[in-house]
Amino acid sequence: PPLPLDVLQGTFHNHTKASDGHNTLEEMAQAAADRGLAYIGIADHSKASFQANGLDADRLAEQVRKIRELNDGGNLPARLLAGCEVDILKDGSLDFDKAVLKELDYCVLSVHGSMSGQSEDEMTKRLIKALETDTGCLKILGHPTGRLLLRREGYAVNLRKVIGAAAANDVPIELNANPWRMDMDWRYWRGAVEQGVACVITADAHAVEDLDYLRGGILCARKAGLQPGDIFNAQSLDQIESVLLKAKS
């Protein structure tokens, strides 16, 4: 049967006013609940993405504190998960070290800079190094090719090797449903899930209305023939929190 349109119970890659988004934590939680989601992960940019007002370690720690406080208050309609979209730097290292990342629930690892000057081999090694890095929290690989449809070709990368490394390191890969991205492309997903890689459908939302992009991501996953068991964020909040806790052990 085709993937149900209501398959998602939450999502992970979303931005707020803290970086380059347009809404508050509370507004994002409400928007998630309005769309039937039980949880929403906040992943504002890290400091290397200065063009997006990326967070330094102190600002990130303050955001995590605020998320914990809001959750503990018991008044949110959807649970907030504390993450960060962490830049994969040119040499494959991450924009924050483990001491910072282990305080998060999860991190989305993404390339935003130094894309054009690297060969396919260099970029592939860059991504694989990031996938192999111990962060002390769950890792998700964000928009793996960096493409912007009708605007920018993706960087040269051997996705099959990257998918293999994601499988070996138990790292889910994002299906970024922003209509300019749709990255990872649907043609790679069947082979990825057959290797045990989970698909995380996200909106990469920078405003509450962007959460509606999730429908396009579900349709893309449906086109790839994916089933609910292949979708990481088809899991309940209790299941997700168990996975997040296990990733910290």
Protein backbone atom coordinates (compact mmCIF):
# COMPACT_ATOMS: atom_id res chain seq x y z
CA PRO A 1 0.00 0.00 0.00
CA PRO A 2 1.18 3.59 -0.59
CA LEU A 3 2.72 5.50 2.28
CA PRO A 4 -0.12 7.19 4.24
CA LEU A 5 -0.21 10.99 4.16
CA ASP A 6 -0.58 11.03 7.95
CA VAL A 7 2.45 8.77 8.53
CA LEU A 8 4.54 11.37 10.41
CA GLN A 9 4.28 11.78 14.17
CA GLY A 10 6.92 14.51 14.36
CA THR A 11 9.79 16.15 12.51
CA PHE A 12 13.33 17.29 13.22
CA HIS A 13 14.83 20.03 11.03
CA ASN A 14 13.24 23.39 11.84
CA HIS A 15 14.52 26.90 12.46
CA THR A 16 13.41 29.74 14.72
CA LYS A 17 14.08 33.44 15.14
CA ALA A 18 17.28 32.45 16.95
CA SER A 19 18.96 31.91 13.55
CA ASP A 20 17.25 32.60 10.21
CA GLY A 21 13.69 31.50 11.00
CA HIS A 22 10.67 33.73 11.51
CA ASN A 23 8.88 32.23 14.50
CA THR A 24 9.40 31.46 18.18
CA LEU A 25 9.76 28.10 19.87
CA GLU A 26 6.20 28.33 21.15
CA GLU A 27 4.83 29.19 17.72
CA MET A 28 6.65 26.26 16.10
CA ALA A 29 5.26 23.89 18.74
CA GLN A 30 1.74 25.14 18.12
CA ALA A 31 2.13 24.86 14.35
CA ALA A 32 3.33 21.27 14.75
CA ALA A 33 0.34 20.37 16.90
CA ASP A 34 -2.00 22.05 14.42
CA ARG A 35 -0.69 19.60 11.82
CA GLY A 36 -1.21 16.58 14.05
CA LEU A 37 2.43 16.19 15.13
CA ALA A 38 3.38 15.14 18.66
CA TYR A 39 6.94 16.50 18.57
CA ILE A 40 9.03 18.99 16.66
CA GLY A 41 12.82 19.23 16.65
CA ILE A 42 14.48 22.65 16.64
CA ALA A 43 17.72 22.74 14.65
CA ASP A 44 18.90 26.30 14.26
CA HIS A 45 22.16 26.91 12.42
CA SER A 46 25.57 26.64 14.07
CA LYS A 47 28.11 29.44 14.23
CA ALA A 48 29.90 28.76 10.90
CA SER A 49 26.69 29.71 9.08
CA PHE A 50 27.18 33.35 10.02
CA GLN A 51 25.06 34.41 7.03
CA ALA A 52 22.13 32.67 8.77
CA ASN A 53 22.88 34.18 12.22
CA GLY A 54 24.20 30.83 13.41
CA LEU A 55 24.32 30.18 17.14
CA ASP A 56 27.54 30.03 19.12
CA ALA A 57 27.87 27.61 22.04
CA ASP A 58 26.46 30.07 24.59
CA ARG A 59 23.39 30.95 22.53
CA LEU A 60 22.78 27.28 21.79
CA ALA A 61 23.01 26.40 25.49
CA GLU A 62 20.51 29.14 26.29
CA GLN A 63 18.11 27.80 23.64
CA VAL A 64 18.42 24.27 25.04
CA ARG A 65 17.68 25.62 28.52
CA LYS A 66 14.59 27.41 27.19
CA ILE A 67 13.36 24.26 25.40
CA ARG A 68 13.75 22.19 28.58
CA GLU A 69 11.92 24.86 30.55
CA LEU A 70 9.02 25.01 28.09
CA ASN A 71 8.68 21.23 28.04
CA ASP A 72 8.76 21.04 31.83
CA GLY A 73 6.06 23.70 32.03
CA GLY A 74 3.58 21.24 30.56
CA ASN A 75 1.71 23.82 28.48
CA LEU A 76 3.11 23.05 25.03
CA PRO A 77 0.75 21.31 22.57
CA ALA A 78 3.71 19.42 21.03
CA ARG A 79 7.02 18.44 22.61
CA LEU A 80 10.10 20.38 21.58
CA LEU A 81 13.30 18.44 20.90
CA ALA A 82 16.61 20.28 21.29
CA GLY A 83 18.86 19.99 18.27
CA CYS A 84 21.14 22.02 16.05
CA GLU A 85 21.96 22.07 12.34
CA VAL A 86 25.70 21.70 12.68
CA ASP A 87 27.95 22.65 9.78
CA ILE A 88 30.26 20.00 8.39
CA LEU A 89 33.42 22.05 7.88
CA LYS A 90 35.75 21.76 4.90
CA ASP A 91 37.97 19.13 6.56
CA GLY A 92 35.01 17.03 7.72
CA SER A 93 35.14 18.21 11.32
CA LEU A 94 32.01 19.58 12.97
CA ASP A 95 31.27 23.17 13.95
CA PHE A 96 30.81 22.15 17.61
CA ASP A 97 32.75 19.58 19.60
CA LYS A 98 31.29 16.71 21.59
CA ALA A 99 31.19 18.70 24.83
CA VAL A 100 28.57 20.97 23.25
CA LEU A 101 26.73 18.37 21.15
CA LYS A 102 26.19 15.85 23.95
CA GLU A 103 23.87 18.34 25.65
CA LEU A 104 21.50 18.13 22.67
CA ASP A 105 18.85 15.55 21.87
CA TYR A 106 20.18 15.25 18.32
CA CYS A 107 22.06 17.14 15.61
CA VAL A 108 21.53 17.54 11.86
CA LEU A 109 24.92 17.48 10.09
CA SER A 110 24.94 19.59 6.92
CA VAL A 111 27.31 21.16 4.42
CA HIS A 112 26.72 24.87 3.78
CA GLY A 113 30.14 26.16 2.69
CA SER A 114 33.28 25.24 0.71
CA MET A 115 31.20 23.27 -1.78
CA SER A 116 32.64 24.18 -5.15
CA GLY A 117 36.35 23.71 -4.57
CA GLN A 118 36.33 20.05 -3.57
CA SER A 119 36.55 16.96 -5.75
CA GLU A 120 34.05 14.14 -5.47
CA ASP A 121 36.54 12.11 -3.47
CA GLU A 122 37.27 14.99 -1.08
CA MET A 123 33.58 15.75 -0.50
CA THR A 124 32.77 12.07 0.00
CA LYS A 125 35.52 11.74 2.61
CA ARG A 126 34.33 14.97 4.23
CA LEU A 127 30.81 13.63 4.72
CA ILE A 128 31.97 10.19 5.85
CA LYS A 129 34.30 11.72 8.45
CA ALA A 130 31.33 13.64 9.87
CA LEU A 131 29.19 10.50 9.95
CA GLU A 132 31.91 8.70 11.89
CA THR A 133 32.39 11.48 14.46
CA ASP A 134 31.24 10.75 18.01
CA THR A 135 28.80 13.50 18.96
CA GLY A 136 27.29 12.02 22.11
CA CYS A 137 23.82 12.46 20.61
CA LEU A 138 21.83 11.15 17.65
CA LYS A 139 23.17 12.29 14.27
CA ILE A 140 21.05 12.91 11.16
CA LEU A 141 22.67 13.66 7.80
CA GLY A 142 21.06 16.77 6.34
CA HIS A 143 20.39 17.48 2.61
CA PRO A 144 23.22 15.19 1.44
CA THR A 145 23.96 16.79 -1.97
CA GLY A 146 23.33 20.45 -1.17
CA ARG A 147 21.38 20.90 -4.38
CA LEU A 148 18.91 23.73 -4.95
CA LEU A 149 16.60 22.70 -7.77
CA LEU A 150 16.63 25.07 -10.77
CA ARG A 151 19.21 27.16 -8.89
CA ARG A 152 22.31 25.15 -8.03
CA GLU A 153 23.63 21.72 -8.87
CA GLY A 154 24.52 19.54 -5.94
CA TYR A 155 28.19 19.20 -5.07
CA ALA A 156 30.15 16.26 -6.46
CA VAL A 157 29.80 13.38 -4.01
CA ASN A 158 29.60 9.58 -4.14
CA LEU A 159 26.24 9.14 -2.47
CA ARG A 160 26.43 5.37 -2.49
CA LYS A 161 29.58 5.49 -0.35
CA VAL A 162 27.95 8.06 1.93
CA ILE A 163 24.85 5.89 2.28
CA GLY A 164 27.07 2.94 3.16
CA ALA A 165 28.79 4.99 5.86
CA ALA A 166 25.42 6.14 7.22
CA ALA A 167 24.34 2.50 7.43
CA ALA A 168 27.58 1.48 9.15
CA ASN A 169 27.25 4.25 11.73
CA ASP A 170 23.47 3.98 12.24
CA VAL A 171 22.85 7.54 11.00
CA PRO A 172 19.43 8.37 9.51
CA ILE A 173 19.43 10.48 6.36
CA GLU A 174 17.16 13.43 5.75
CA LEU A 175 14.61 13.67 2.99
CA ASN A 176 14.50 17.46 2.99
CA ALA A 177 11.05 18.36 1.68
CA ASN A 178 11.78 22.01 0.98
CA PRO A 179 10.63 22.21 -2.66
CA TRP A 180 13.98 23.68 -3.70
CA ARG A 181 15.82 20.69 -2.23
CA MET A 182 13.99 17.33 -2.23
CA ASP A 183 17.33 15.99 -1.06
CA MET A 184 18.13 13.03 -0.78
CA ASP A 185 16.63 12.34 -4.19
CA TRP A 186 13.92 9.66 -4.35
CA ARG A 187 16.01 7.41 -6.62
CA TYR A 188 18.47 6.63 -3.82
CA TRP A 189 16.00 5.75 -1.10
CA ARG A 190 15.15 2.16 -1.95
CA GLY A 191 18.82 1.16 -1.88
CA ALA A 192 19.37 3.15 1.32
CA VAL A 193 16.57 1.52 3.31
CA GLU A 194 17.65 -1.91 2.06
CA GLN A 195 20.97 -1.21 3.81
CA GLY A 196 19.13 -0.26 6.99
CA VAL A 197 19.27 3.53 6.67
CA ALA A 198 16.21 5.26 8.12
CA CYS A 199 14.56 8.15 6.24
CA VAL A 200 13.81 11.33 8.19
CA ILE A 201 11.22 13.46 6.38
CA THR A 202 11.69 17.11 7.31
CA ALA A 203 10.38 20.47 6.14
CA ASP A 204 13.55 22.47 6.86
CA ALA A 205 10.97 24.95 8.08
CA HIS A 206 11.99 28.58 8.50
CA ALA A 207 8.40 29.67 9.26
CA VAL A 208 5.31 27.93 10.59
CA GLU A 209 3.72 27.63 7.14
CA ASP A 210 6.78 25.77 5.84
CA LEU A 211 5.68 22.74 7.86
CA ASP A 212 3.20 22.15 5.04
CA TYR A 213 6.19 21.06 2.92
CA LEU A 214 6.09 17.77 4.84
CA ARG A 215 3.32 16.54 2.53
CA GLY A 216 5.67 16.84 -0.46
CA GLY A 217 8.30 14.84 1.41
CA ILE A 218 5.78 12.10 2.14
CA LEU A 219 4.81 11.98 -1.53
CA CYS A 220 8.49 11.78 -2.49
CA ALA A 221 9.00 8.87 -0.08
CA ARG A 222 5.86 7.27 -1.49
CA LYS A 223 7.31 7.57 -5.00
CA ALA A 224 10.39 5.70 -3.74
CA GLY A 225 8.17 2.93 -2.45
CA LEU A 226 8.94 3.51 1.22
CA GLN A 227 6.74 2.12 3.98
CA PRO A 228 6.06 3.46 7.51
CA GLY A 229 8.75 1.22 8.98
CA ASP A 230 11.34 2.96 6.77
CA ILE A 231 10.47 6.43 8.12
CA PHE A 232 12.31 7.43 11.29
CA ASN A 233 9.78 10.08 12.33
CA ALA A 234 6.81 7.79 11.82
CA GLN A 235 7.69 6.63 15.34
CA SER A 236 5.79 7.85 18.39
CA LEU A 237 7.23 10.36 20.84
CA ASP A 238 7.94 7.58 23.35
CA GLN A 239 9.78 5.56 20.71
CA ILE A 240 11.79 8.57 19.54
CA GLU A 241 12.75 9.55 23.09
CA SER A 242 13.97 5.99 23.67
CA VAL A 243 16.14 6.21 20.52
CA LEU A 244 17.52 9.59 21.57
CA LEU A 245 18.37 8.28 25.02
CA LYS A 246 20.08 5.19 23.59
CA ALA A 247 22.21 7.40 21.30
CA LYS A 248 23.61 9.13 24.39
CA SER A 249 24.67 5.89 26.10
